[in-house]
Amino acid sequence: MPSLSSTNTGQHEQQIATTPTNESSISSQQLNGNLVLSSTTTITTNGLSFFDLIREYLNYRTNKLIKDIYVEMSSYRRIILQNRQRSSSTKITIGVSPEPYLDLIMNPFNKCSWNHLSLGNIFLSKLFFRHKFVLGPACIRLNQSAIRPQCQQETEIKNEHKDIYGKVEKHLTEYPHRIPRAVPMFKQYSHHLHEYLHHSYATPLSYKDQLVALEQAQNVALIRQIIKNMNLIIRLTDKGNNFYIGLASEFEKKVEKFFSDTNAFVELSYNPFNELLDGVTQLLDNLQSKKLILQWQFKKMMPDREKAELPHLYFNPKTHKVL
């Protein structure tokens, strides 16, 4: 079988060298086509053309590079996971499953309710040591709005639309974007957001998911009823990434003891929140009218009536220190 000889190669080089400059406009596709055509006419000793050998080598190198990349990614992924397990930042990670601490003599919740609360975590009793329960799967609860009446869904859609659109509009109209509110983009975004929320709420659940959602709703209603009847209280714990369930009377005793031991707080006979908020608002209005503060400073210092609260006494149970 004839092979690709040096004589043929030299002839190709001579032809390329003697090509006039005014023919340099030949497209790369035509050049590649000529190369493939000329290469396929010359057969090597093993029955493959020169072009086929190049393609086979490129495929081999591509597959080898892909394999090496996957090996390197697996190695780096393993190193990252090991570093993450040693890192102290993982301690502040909150998982899907809650970790409730029940500070009672007996557990007032039935198995289904406790499954919904704990999903396989720690139970703490006053009379005994810690007991670990492995109950229920770790999962995210289904959207309870899917089993609500239509009127409640419409109210929820309206509230979510107002909250999301307000945040987006505020972000885009303030520094550094400063987009005018009259831009049609805001109206289009509001319309698309409303359609998306309607579509999300109107999408029906499967029969299985509907049954699970109903069961979870019944468990939540039962939990609330037990907490109300037994006068229990739920508080977020300190540095524990979980919550604490105990008697409200125990916290009342702690308040009385704290009042008797210190003079840091005084029990008020009325709520002065509205009075203080109105005073701050009037003061900021006077400062702005006298041009003592700028508009952005006025907005920055204006308190939010829905988020503002008075200093108050509260207790965060330190369950992470319990042995």
Protein backbone atom coordinates (compact mmCIF):
# COMPACT_ATOMS: atom_id res chain seq x y z
CA MET A 1 0.00 0.00 0.00
CA PRO A 2 1.42 3.45 -0.81
CA SER A 3 2.14 5.72 2.14
CA LEU A 4 2.44 9.42 2.63
CA SER A 5 5.92 10.07 1.30
CA SER A 6 8.20 13.03 1.82
CA THR A 7 8.01 13.75 -1.91
CA ASN A 8 4.28 14.32 -1.77
CA THR A 9 4.70 16.50 1.29
CA GLY A 10 7.26 18.62 -0.46
CA GLN A 11 4.98 19.06 -3.44
CA HIS A 12 2.15 20.25 -1.17
CA GLU A 13 4.46 22.74 0.53
CA GLN A 14 5.67 24.02 -2.85
CA GLN A 15 2.10 24.50 -4.02
CA ILE A 16 1.20 26.46 -0.90
CA ALA A 17 4.35 28.59 -1.14
CA THR A 18 3.69 29.50 -4.78
CA THR A 19 0.04 30.46 -4.22
CA PRO A 20 -0.51 34.16 -5.14
CA THR A 21 -1.39 36.58 -2.34
CA ASN A 22 -4.60 37.63 -4.05
CA GLU A 23 -6.00 34.11 -3.47
CA SER A 24 -5.59 34.31 0.32
CA SER A 25 -9.32 34.99 0.66
CA ILE A 26 -10.12 31.26 0.40
CA SER A 27 -12.27 30.31 3.36
CA SER A 28 -11.07 27.97 6.09
CA GLN A 29 -13.93 25.59 5.27
CA GLN A 30 -12.66 25.14 1.68
CA LEU A 31 -9.10 24.64 2.97
CA ASN A 32 -10.21 22.02 5.47
CA GLY A 33 -12.28 20.28 2.79
CA ASN A 34 -9.27 20.11 0.46
CA LEU A 35 -7.11 18.81 3.32
CA VAL A 36 -9.60 16.05 4.12
CA LEU A 37 -9.96 15.16 0.43
CA SER A 38 -6.20 15.00 -0.15
CA SER A 39 -5.62 13.10 3.07
CA THR A 40 -8.22 10.43 2.38
CA THR A 41 -6.65 9.61 -0.95
CA THR A 42 -3.44 8.49 0.74
CA ILE A 43 -3.77 5.27 2.78
CA THR A 44 -1.34 4.11 5.44
CA THR A 45 -0.09 0.58 5.88
CA ASN A 46 -2.70 -0.34 8.50
CA GLY A 47 -5.64 0.62 6.29
CA LEU A 48 -6.38 4.03 7.89
CA SER A 49 -6.01 7.39 6.23
CA PHE A 50 -3.83 10.11 7.65
CA PHE A 51 -6.92 12.15 8.55
CA ASP A 52 -8.44 9.17 10.38
CA LEU A 53 -5.27 8.80 12.44
CA ILE A 54 -5.39 12.45 13.45
CA ARG A 55 -9.06 12.17 14.41
CA GLU A 56 -8.42 9.00 16.39
CA TYR A 57 -5.56 10.67 18.27
CA LEU A 58 -7.67 13.76 19.06
CA ASN A 59 -10.50 11.58 20.40
CA TYR A 60 -8.04 9.67 22.56
CA ARG A 61 -6.53 12.87 23.99
CA THR A 62 -10.01 14.36 24.61
CA ASN A 63 -11.22 11.30 26.50
CA LYS A 64 -8.01 11.16 28.51
CA LEU A 65 -8.32 14.83 29.49
CA ILE A 66 -11.95 14.33 30.56
CA LYS A 67 -10.97 11.33 32.67
CA ASP A 68 -8.09 13.24 34.30
CA ILE A 69 -10.42 16.16 35.09
CA TYR A 70 -12.92 13.86 36.79
CA VAL A 71 -10.12 12.28 38.84
CA GLU A 72 -8.83 15.69 39.91
CA MET A 73 -12.35 16.89 40.76
CA SER A 74 -12.92 13.86 42.98
CA SER A 75 -9.65 14.47 44.76
CA TYR A 76 -10.38 18.15 45.37
CA ARG A 77 -13.95 17.39 46.44
CA ARG A 78 -12.62 14.97 49.05
CA ILE A 79 -10.15 17.57 50.34
CA ILE A 80 -12.86 20.26 50.54
CA LEU A 81 -15.16 17.95 52.50
CA GLN A 82 -12.38 17.10 54.93
CA ASN A 83 -11.56 20.77 55.45
CA ARG A 84 -15.23 21.59 55.93
CA GLN A 85 -15.61 18.92 58.62
CA ARG A 86 -12.65 20.40 60.51
CA SER A 87 -13.80 23.99 60.02
CA SER A 88 -15.48 25.78 62.90
CA SER A 89 -17.88 27.49 60.49
CA THR A 90 -19.80 24.23 60.12
CA LYS A 91 -21.01 24.62 63.68
CA ILE A 92 -23.29 27.48 62.67
CA THR A 93 -24.90 25.48 59.87
CA ILE A 94 -28.59 24.82 60.47
CA GLY A 95 -29.88 21.57 59.04
CA VAL A 96 -33.30 20.79 57.66
CA SER A 97 -34.33 18.86 60.76
CA PRO A 98 -34.98 20.87 63.95
CA GLU A 99 -33.51 19.81 67.29
CA PRO A 100 -36.06 20.45 70.04
CA TYR A 101 -35.29 20.16 73.77
CA LEU A 102 -38.27 19.17 75.88
CA ASP A 103 -37.78 20.33 79.48
CA LEU A 104 -40.72 18.45 81.00
CA ILE A 105 -41.28 15.47 83.26
CA MET A 106 -43.11 13.59 80.51
CA ASN A 107 -43.58 13.99 76.79
CA PRO A 108 -47.12 15.31 76.12
CA PHE A 109 -46.87 14.79 72.37
CA ASN A 110 -47.88 11.61 70.62
CA LYS A 111 -45.60 9.79 68.21
CA CYS A 112 -46.79 11.60 65.07
CA SER A 113 -46.53 15.06 66.68
CA TRP A 114 -43.09 14.34 68.09
CA ASN A 115 -41.96 13.01 64.71
CA HIS A 116 -43.03 16.30 63.19
CA LEU A 117 -41.17 18.27 65.87
CA SER A 118 -37.92 16.36 66.21
CA LEU A 119 -37.41 14.17 63.13
CA GLY A 120 -34.83 12.07 64.92
CA ASN A 121 -33.10 14.31 67.46
CA ILE A 122 -32.64 14.80 71.21
CA PHE A 123 -35.24 14.69 73.94
CA LEU A 124 -34.41 16.15 77.36
CA SER A 125 -36.29 15.26 80.54
CA LYS A 126 -36.10 16.74 84.01
CA LEU A 127 -35.96 13.38 85.76
CA PHE A 128 -33.75 11.39 83.42
CA PHE A 129 -30.67 11.81 81.30
CA ARG A 130 -30.75 12.55 77.61
CA HIS A 131 -32.64 10.13 75.44
CA LYS A 132 -32.12 10.02 71.70
CA PHE A 133 -35.08 9.26 69.47
CA VAL A 134 -34.80 8.16 65.87
CA LEU A 135 -38.23 9.15 64.61
CA GLY A 136 -39.30 10.26 61.19
CA PRO A 137 -37.29 11.21 58.08
CA ALA A 138 -35.30 14.43 57.72
CA CYS A 139 -37.24 16.37 55.09
CA ILE A 140 -38.63 19.77 54.21
CA ARG A 141 -42.35 20.05 54.92
CA LEU A 142 -44.71 20.40 52.01
CA ASN A 143 -46.25 23.77 51.19
CA GLN A 144 -49.31 24.01 53.43
CA SER A 145 -50.82 26.74 51.25
CA ALA A 146 -51.78 24.08 48.71
CA ILE A 147 -54.54 22.77 51.01
CA ARG A 148 -55.85 26.18 52.04
CA PRO A 149 -59.12 27.66 50.73
CA GLN A 150 -58.98 29.84 47.63
CA CYS A 151 -59.57 33.06 49.56
CA GLN A 152 -56.61 32.36 51.85
CA GLN A 153 -54.39 31.59 48.87
CA GLU A 154 -55.36 34.89 47.22
CA THR A 155 -54.51 36.75 50.42
CA GLU A 156 -51.16 34.99 50.63
CA ILE A 157 -50.39 35.76 46.98
CA LYS A 158 -51.19 39.42 47.56
CA ASN A 159 -48.96 39.60 50.63
CA GLU A 160 -46.04 37.83 48.95
CA HIS A 161 -46.35 40.02 45.85
CA LYS A 162 -46.33 43.18 47.96
CA ASP A 163 -43.32 42.02 49.98
CA ILE A 164 -41.19 40.85 47.03
CA TYR A 165 -42.05 43.75 44.72
CA GLY A 166 -41.45 46.30 47.47
CA LYS A 167 -37.97 44.96 48.19
CA VAL A 168 -36.99 44.81 44.52
CA GLU A 169 -38.33 48.29 43.80
CA LYS A 170 -36.56 49.77 46.82
CA HIS A 171 -33.27 48.16 45.85
CA LEU A 172 -33.38 49.39 42.24
CA THR A 173 -34.56 52.94 42.95
CA GLU A 174 -31.94 53.66 45.60
CA TYR A 175 -28.18 54.10 45.30
CA PRO A 176 -26.28 52.95 43.27
CA HIS A 177 -28.94 52.07 40.62
CA ARG A 178 -31.32 55.01 41.05
CA ILE A 179 -33.79 53.76 38.41
CA PRO A 180 -36.89 56.02 38.14
CA ARG A 181 -40.08 54.48 39.45
CA ALA A 182 -41.95 55.50 36.29
CA VAL A 183 -39.92 53.09 34.14
CA PRO A 184 -42.26 50.52 32.47
CA MET A 185 -39.91 47.78 33.64
CA PHE A 186 -41.42 47.89 37.15
CA LYS A 187 -44.96 47.45 35.84
CA GLN A 188 -43.87 44.51 33.70
CA TYR A 189 -42.03 42.91 36.61
CA SER A 190 -45.07 43.32 38.85
CA HIS A 191 -47.29 41.65 36.26
CA HIS A 192 -44.88 38.76 35.70
CA LEU A 193 -44.40 38.26 39.43
CA HIS A 194 -48.16 38.14 39.99
CA GLU A 195 -48.57 35.57 37.21
CA TYR A 196 -45.74 33.44 38.59
CA LEU A 197 -47.20 33.41 42.10
CA HIS A 198 -50.63 32.52 40.74
CA HIS A 199 -49.12 29.68 38.72
CA SER A 200 -47.16 28.40 41.72
CA TYR A 201 -50.17 28.40 44.01
CA ALA A 202 -52.56 27.02 41.37
CA THR A 203 -50.35 24.05 40.47
CA PRO A 204 -52.10 21.06 42.07
CA LEU A 205 -50.27 18.60 44.28
CA SER A 206 -50.35 14.88 43.68
CA TYR A 207 -52.77 12.84 45.78
CA LYS A 208 -49.90 11.49 47.86
CA ASP A 209 -48.52 14.97 48.57
CA GLN A 210 -52.02 16.21 49.43
CA LEU A 211 -52.43 13.43 52.00
CA VAL A 212 -48.99 14.17 53.48
CA ALA A 213 -49.75 17.91 53.62
CA LEU A 214 -53.08 17.25 55.37
CA GLU A 215 -51.40 14.97 57.88
CA GLN A 216 -48.72 17.58 58.59
CA ALA A 217 -51.37 20.28 59.02
CA GLN A 218 -53.23 18.10 61.52
CA ASN A 219 -49.99 17.49 63.45
CA VAL A 220 -49.29 21.22 63.60
CA ALA A 221 -52.83 21.93 64.85
CA LEU A 222 -52.45 19.26 67.54
CA ILE A 223 -49.06 20.64 68.62
CA ARG A 224 -50.49 24.15 68.95
CA GLN A 225 -53.43 22.84 70.97
CA ILE A 226 -51.12 20.96 73.38
CA ILE A 227 -48.90 24.02 73.84
CA LYS A 228 -51.95 26.18 74.55
CA ASN A 229 -53.61 23.74 76.95
CA MET A 230 -50.45 23.03 78.96
CA ASN A 231 -49.27 26.68 78.90
CA LEU A 232 -45.97 25.73 77.26
CA ILE A 233 -43.48 28.08 75.65
CA ILE A 234 -41.13 27.65 72.67
CA ARG A 235 -37.90 29.62 72.63
CA LEU A 236 -34.88 29.62 70.36
CA THR A 237 -31.86 28.29 72.21
CA ASP A 238 -28.55 30.08 72.63
CA LYS A 239 -25.86 28.76 70.23
CA GLY A 240 -27.71 25.52 69.81
CA ASN A 241 -29.39 25.96 66.42
CA ASN A 242 -32.56 24.39 67.85
CA PHE A 243 -35.50 25.33 70.05
CA TYR A 244 -36.56 24.69 73.63
CA ILE A 245 -39.99 23.59 74.87
CA GLY A 246 -40.82 24.16 78.53
CA LEU A 247 -43.40 25.46 80.97
CA ALA A 248 -44.23 29.16 80.77
CA SER A 249 -44.44 29.20 84.59
CA GLU A 250 -40.73 28.34 84.76
CA PHE A 251 -39.90 31.47 82.78
CA GLU A 252 -42.17 33.55 84.99
CA LYS A 253 -40.22 32.33 88.01
CA LYS A 254 -36.96 33.28 86.29
CA VAL A 255 -38.33 36.76 85.62
CA GLU A 256 -39.33 37.23 89.26
CA LYS A 257 -35.92 36.05 90.45
CA PHE A 258 -34.14 38.32 87.98
CA PHE A 259 -36.20 41.32 89.13
CA SER A 260 -35.40 40.59 92.76
CA ASP A 261 -31.67 40.13 92.13
CA THR A 262 -31.10 43.10 89.79
CA ASN A 263 -32.55 46.50 88.96
CA ALA A 264 -31.89 46.32 85.23
CA PHE A 265 -35.56 46.21 84.18
CA VAL A 266 -38.79 47.77 85.38
CA GLU A 267 -42.22 46.37 84.60
CA LEU A 268 -44.28 48.95 82.70
CA SER A 269 -47.97 49.57 83.27
CA TYR A 270 -48.56 50.49 79.60
CA ASN A 271 -46.87 50.12 76.23
CA PRO A 272 -45.00 53.35 75.27
CA PHE A 273 -44.04 52.06 71.81
CA ASN A 274 -46.35 54.32 69.76
CA GLU A 275 -45.45 57.34 71.86
CA LEU A 276 -41.72 56.84 71.38
CA LEU A 277 -42.08 56.08 67.67
CA ASP A 278 -44.12 59.24 67.08
CA GLY A 279 -41.55 61.32 68.94
CA VAL A 280 -38.69 59.97 66.82
CA THR A 281 -40.66 60.57 63.63
CA GLN A 282 -41.44 64.17 64.56
CA LEU A 283 -37.81 64.83 65.45
CA LEU A 284 -36.60 63.50 62.08
CA ASP A 285 -39.24 65.56 60.25
CA ASN A 286 -38.04 68.73 61.99
CA LEU A 287 -34.41 67.98 61.16
CA GLN A 288 -35.23 67.40 57.50
CA SER A 289 -37.42 70.52 57.23
CA LYS A 290 -34.54 72.61 58.59
CA LYS A 291 -32.18 70.88 56.13
CA LEU A 292 -29.99 69.62 58.94
CA ILE A 293 -30.03 66.13 57.47
CA LEU A 294 -30.20 64.91 53.87
CA GLN A 295 -32.99 62.86 52.34
CA TRP A 296 -31.04 59.59 52.39
CA GLN A 297 -30.10 60.17 56.03
CA PHE A 298 -33.75 60.77 56.86
CA LYS A 299 -34.76 57.47 55.23
CA LYS A 300 -31.88 55.65 56.87
CA MET A 301 -32.78 56.79 60.38
CA MET A 302 -36.55 56.47 60.04
CA PRO A 303 -37.62 53.47 62.18
CA ASP A 304 -39.76 50.73 60.67
CA ARG A 305 -42.97 50.37 62.65
CA GLU A 306 -43.27 46.68 61.75
CA LYS A 307 -39.71 45.75 62.75
CA ALA A 308 -38.97 48.12 65.64
CA GLU A 309 -39.47 46.88 69.20
CA LEU A 310 -38.80 48.10 72.73
CA PRO A 311 -35.94 46.71 74.80
CA HIS A 312 -37.37 43.85 76.79
CA LEU A 313 -36.34 41.00 79.04
CA TYR A 314 -36.13 37.55 77.52
CA PHE A 315 -34.29 34.30 78.21
CA ASN A 316 -32.48 32.09 75.74
CA PRO A 317 -32.05 28.56 77.16
CA LYS A 318 -28.43 27.37 76.96
CA THR A 319 -29.09 23.76 76.01
CA HIS A 320 -25.59 23.36 74.58
CA LYS A 321 -24.22 23.47 78.16
CA VAL A 322 -26.48 20.67 79.40
CA LEU A 323 -24.58 17.46 80.07
